[in-house]
Protein backbone atom coordinates (compact mmCIF):
# COMPACT_ATOMS: atom_id res chain seq x y z
CA MET A 1 0.12 -0.12 -0.41
CA LYS A 2 1.10 3.41 -0.86
CA VAL A 3 -0.03 6.95 0.06
CA GLU A 4 1.39 9.94 -1.26
CA ALA A 5 0.12 13.65 -1.03
CA GLN A 6 1.37 16.81 -2.58
CA GLY A 7 4.23 18.54 -0.61
CA PHE A 8 4.94 15.28 1.52
CA GLN A 9 7.05 12.28 1.29
CA SER A 10 5.52 8.99 0.08
CA GLU A 11 4.97 6.23 2.67
CA GLU A 12 4.90 2.45 1.45
CA ARG A 13 3.76 -0.23 3.51
CA THR A 14 4.59 -3.58 2.50
CA GLY A 15 3.78 -7.46 4.21
CA VAL A 16 0.51 -6.54 5.25
CA GLN A 17 -1.68 -9.95 4.89
CA LEU A 18 -5.23 -9.90 5.49
CA GLN A 19 -7.02 -13.08 6.28
CA VAL A 20 -10.55 -13.93 5.57
CA GLN A 21 -13.21 -12.16 7.17
CA GLN A 22 -10.42 -9.81 8.74
CA THR A 23 -10.50 -5.88 9.53
CA ALA A 24 -7.31 -4.44 9.84
CA ARG A 25 -6.41 -0.76 10.73
CA ILE A 26 -3.09 0.48 9.12
CA ASP A 27 -2.20 3.91 10.14
CA PHE A 28 0.19 6.15 7.87
CA GLN A 29 1.86 9.37 8.89
CA LEU A 30 3.34 11.28 5.86
CA HIS A 31 5.97 13.78 6.53
CA VAL A 32 7.08 16.92 5.07
CA GLY A 33 9.03 16.84 1.62
CA GLN A 34 8.98 15.76 -1.79
CA ILE A 35 6.44 13.59 -3.27
CA SER A 36 9.29 11.71 -4.81
CA GLU A 37 11.14 10.62 -1.58
CA VAL A 38 9.37 7.48 0.02
CA ILE A 39 9.66 6.09 3.17
CA GLU A 40 9.23 2.16 2.83
CA VAL A 41 7.83 0.63 6.12
CA THR A 42 7.89 -3.67 6.35
CA GLY A 43 5.62 -4.95 9.03
CA GLY A 44 2.16 -6.87 9.04
CA ALA A 45 -1.19 -5.94 10.36
CA PRO A 46 -1.68 -5.61 13.86
CA LEU A 47 -2.46 -8.79 15.79
CA LEU A 48 -5.15 -6.83 18.01
CA THR A 49 -8.19 -6.47 16.53
CA THR A 50 -9.37 -2.86 17.03
CA GLU A 51 -12.17 -2.23 14.44
CA ASN A 52 -14.66 -5.24 15.63
CA ALA A 53 -15.53 -7.30 18.51
CA THR A 54 -15.41 -10.53 16.32
CA VAL A 55 -13.73 -13.59 17.97
CA GLY A 56 -12.53 -16.32 15.67
CA SER A 57 -9.77 -18.60 14.36
CA VAL A 58 -8.38 -18.56 10.73
CA ILE A 59 -7.44 -21.89 9.66
CA GLU A 60 -4.80 -21.08 7.16
CA ASN A 61 -3.86 -23.00 3.79
CA LYS A 62 -0.92 -24.74 5.38
CA ARG A 63 -2.82 -26.60 7.62
CA ILE A 64 -6.03 -27.59 5.32
CA VAL A 65 -3.23 -29.26 2.80
CA GLU A 66 -0.34 -30.93 5.12
CA LEU A 67 -2.76 -32.24 8.14
CA PRO A 68 -4.29 -35.43 7.61
CA LEU A 69 -7.87 -35.69 6.99
CA ASN A 70 -10.00 -38.91 7.05
CA GLY A 71 -11.82 -38.28 3.52
CA ARG A 72 -10.06 -35.20 2.70
CA ASN A 73 -12.90 -33.26 4.27
CA PHE A 74 -11.76 -29.81 5.67
CA LEU A 75 -14.27 -29.25 8.09
CA GLN A 76 -12.46 -31.80 10.41
CA LEU A 77 -10.19 -28.94 11.22
CA VAL A 78 -13.10 -26.47 12.81
CA SER A 79 -11.89 -28.46 15.97
CA LEU A 80 -8.64 -26.39 15.96
CA SER A 81 -10.67 -23.34 17.01
CA PRO A 82 -11.59 -22.97 20.92
CA ASN A 83 -14.96 -23.60 21.83
CA VAL A 84 -15.65 -25.58 18.99
CA SER A 85 -16.22 -29.62 18.67
CA PHE A 86 -16.69 -31.56 16.07
CA GLY A 87 -17.61 -35.52 15.00
CA PHE A 88 -20.73 -36.32 17.50
CA GLY A 89 -23.45 -38.15 16.38
CA SER A 90 -25.70 -37.27 13.70
CA ASN A 91 -29.46 -35.90 13.70
CA SER A 92 -31.66 -38.79 12.61
CA THR A 93 -33.91 -36.36 11.04
CA ALA A 94 -31.31 -34.92 8.72
CA THR A 95 -29.62 -38.26 8.02
CA GLY A 96 -33.05 -39.69 6.49
CA ARG A 97 -33.98 -36.32 4.55
CA GLN A 98 -30.35 -34.93 3.34
CA GLY A 99 -28.10 -36.42 0.68
CA GLY A 100 -24.62 -37.38 0.82
CA GLN A 101 -22.37 -36.80 4.38
CA ARG A 102 -23.94 -33.44 5.14
CA SER A 103 -25.50 -35.04 8.18
CA THR A 104 -22.60 -36.44 9.42
CA GLU A 105 -20.69 -33.18 9.60
CA ASN A 106 -21.79 -32.23 13.34
CA ILE A 107 -20.37 -28.79 14.72
CA ALA A 108 -21.07 -27.28 18.10
CA VAL A 109 -19.87 -23.84 18.78
CA SER A 110 -20.13 -22.82 22.49
CA GLY A 111 -22.25 -25.78 23.51
CA GLN A 112 -24.94 -25.16 20.94
CA ARG A 113 -26.42 -28.19 18.49
CA SER A 114 -25.08 -28.77 14.96
CA GLU A 115 -28.39 -26.83 13.66
CA PHE A 116 -27.29 -23.53 14.94
CA ASN A 117 -24.46 -22.90 12.31
CA TYR A 118 -24.09 -20.86 9.47
CA PHE A 119 -21.79 -21.55 5.96
CA THR A 120 -20.67 -19.15 3.54
CA LEU A 121 -18.43 -19.50 0.27
CA ASP A 122 -16.64 -16.37 -0.84
CA GLY A 123 -19.48 -14.40 0.95
CA VAL A 124 -21.93 -16.31 -0.78
CA ASP A 125 -24.87 -18.21 1.44
CA ASN A 126 -23.78 -21.81 1.80
CA THR A 127 -26.31 -23.08 4.04
CA ASP A 128 -29.24 -25.42 3.72
CA ILE A 129 -32.08 -24.15 4.88
CA SER A 130 -33.82 -27.05 6.39
CA PHE A 131 -30.90 -28.27 9.16
CA ASN A 132 -28.29 -25.18 8.64
CA LEU A 133 -26.19 -27.92 7.23
CA TYR A 134 -23.42 -27.05 4.08
CA ILE A 135 -24.77 -27.15 0.72
CA PHE A 136 -21.59 -27.56 -1.09
CA LEU A 137 -18.28 -28.59 0.07
CA PRO A 138 -15.12 -27.71 -1.82
CA SER A 139 -12.18 -29.79 -2.22
CA ILE A 140 -9.46 -29.00 0.01
CA ASP A 141 -7.01 -28.29 -3.01
CA ALA A 142 -9.64 -25.19 -3.78
CA ILE A 143 -9.54 -23.40 -0.34
CA GLN A 144 -7.47 -20.74 0.60
CA GLU A 145 -8.35 -20.40 4.24
CA PHE A 146 -11.47 -20.45 6.33
CA LYS A 147 -12.74 -18.69 9.32
CA VAL A 148 -14.62 -19.92 12.37
CA GLN A 149 -16.16 -17.31 14.02
CA THR A 150 -17.74 -18.18 17.51
CA GLY A 151 -18.90 -14.59 18.87
CA VAL A 152 -19.99 -11.17 18.45
CA PHE A 153 -19.78 -11.58 14.55
CA PRO A 154 -20.81 -8.52 12.16
CA ALA A 155 -24.62 -8.15 11.30
CA GLU A 156 -24.06 -9.27 7.79
CA PHE A 157 -23.90 -13.36 8.99
CA GLY A 158 -26.62 -13.16 11.69
CA ARG A 159 -29.09 -16.22 11.58
CA ALA A 160 -26.94 -18.89 13.68
CA THR A 161 -24.62 -19.04 16.51
CA GLY A 162 -21.59 -20.24 14.78
CA GLN A 163 -19.96 -18.55 11.37
CA VAL A 164 -17.80 -20.78 9.08
CA ASN A 165 -16.35 -18.61 6.48
CA VAL A 166 -14.66 -20.25 3.50
CA SER A 167 -12.51 -18.35 1.05
CA THR A 168 -11.15 -20.16 -2.32
CA LYS A 169 -7.76 -19.76 -3.83
CA PRO A 170 -7.83 -17.06 -6.78
CA GLY A 171 -6.66 -16.84 -10.05
CA GLY A 172 -3.07 -15.08 -10.88
CA ASN A 173 -1.20 -13.90 -13.93
CA THR A 174 0.45 -17.11 -14.27
CA PHE A 175 -0.91 -20.53 -15.25
CA HIS A 176 -0.39 -23.24 -12.38
CA GLY A 177 -2.11 -26.16 -11.25
CA ALA A 178 -2.04 -30.01 -9.76
CA LEU A 179 -3.20 -33.26 -10.82
CA PHE A 180 -3.93 -35.72 -7.57
CA GLU A 181 -4.93 -39.28 -6.50
CA PHE A 182 -5.38 -40.38 -3.18
CA LEU A 183 -5.63 -44.33 -2.45
CA ARG A 184 -6.82 -46.26 0.54
CA ASN A 185 -6.78 -49.89 -0.32
CA SER A 186 -7.33 -52.70 2.15
CA ALA A 187 -4.57 -54.64 0.36
CA LEU A 188 -1.92 -52.23 2.38
CA ASP A 189 -3.89 -52.79 5.22
CA ALA A 190 -2.79 -55.05 8.20
CA SER A 191 -4.61 -58.16 8.85
CA ALA A 192 -7.45 -57.95 11.86
CA TYR A 193 -5.55 -59.36 15.08
CA SER A 194 -6.96 -62.50 16.17
CA PHE A 195 -7.00 -64.14 19.74
CA THR A 196 -7.39 -67.85 17.84
CA SER A 197 -5.39 -69.64 15.23
CA VAL A 198 -8.26 -68.89 12.84
CA HIS A 199 -7.17 -65.85 11.26
CA PRO A 200 -10.52 -63.58 9.90
CA PRO A 201 -10.01 -62.00 6.67
CA LYS A 202 -9.66 -58.41 5.76
CA ASN A 203 -12.51 -56.28 5.39
CA PRO A 204 -12.07 -55.15 1.78
CA PHE A 205 -11.94 -51.49 1.28
CA LYS A 206 -10.80 -49.29 -1.80
CA ARG A 207 -11.08 -45.88 -2.27
CA ASN A 208 -9.86 -43.39 -5.00
CA GLN A 209 -10.11 -39.97 -4.60
CA PHE A 210 -8.62 -37.69 -7.79
CA GLY A 211 -8.90 -34.45 -9.39
CA PHE A 212 -7.21 -31.18 -10.54
CA THR A 213 -6.78 -27.55 -10.19
CA LEU A 214 -5.73 -25.07 -12.55
CA ALA A 215 -5.54 -21.38 -12.15
CA GLY A 216 -4.48 -18.46 -14.24
CA PRO A 217 -5.54 -15.47 -16.06
CA VAL A 218 -8.23 -14.97 -19.07
CA LEU A 219 -6.85 -15.06 -22.06
CA ILE A 220 -8.41 -15.15 -25.47
CA PRO A 221 -5.76 -14.76 -28.35
CA LYS A 222 -5.91 -11.53 -30.51
CA LEU A 223 -9.30 -10.55 -28.47
CA PHE A 224 -9.13 -10.23 -24.74
CA ASN A 225 -5.69 -10.08 -22.28
CA GLY A 226 -7.00 -10.56 -18.73
CA LYS A 227 -3.59 -10.02 -17.05
CA ASN A 228 -3.72 -7.93 -13.85
CA ARG A 229 -7.60 -7.53 -14.37
CA LEU A 230 -9.21 -11.07 -14.77
CA PHE A 231 -8.32 -14.22 -13.44
CA PHE A 232 -10.13 -17.77 -13.18
CA MET A 233 -9.80 -21.21 -10.87
CA ALA A 234 -10.96 -24.38 -11.37
CA ASN A 235 -11.09 -27.96 -9.43
């Protein structure tokens, strides 16, 4: 960020990183001088948020990608936030009516029921209206970071006790991507322990999770160049 005014030295601030749903106040102090003189200050955003009273924890990309996840479901990481529990019994009514694994992703914030949560994806409502479960679960390879808000969040959210705000990765001026496959196979598992001379057979299991991510600028040869202006990310 750079601030300049006629008759004052310019001041430039680098190394400022804003996380999802973070509001940071960065103060500048301009000294009398030539505008061509630039004072460069290196430093991040303040750790103490004074602009609002929101309480929450950001789970950044490094932990999302590198921590082991059963089924590669990032919601298991919500328990890294204080005052949050994950992985207890499911609502039997929701299990009978909801498709997929949505009813098994149980999150309790501040001791509330799992139906007292609200999910957003890049600022868009991602919450089922019947049981307050998520609607769409993005791949961990597409997520930049997410924040679990447990109290005093802005009125733009409302509706529930706990907030899970997910931010996906943006594009950029260079093309980059990845191909991946995660294999779980009973052939790689150890045999079940037996207290008798009869060894029980292994339970058969095979699961392949594969896909790709691709991001970059939007380019249409001889028609449109989206560098510095328009980007895409697909997974």
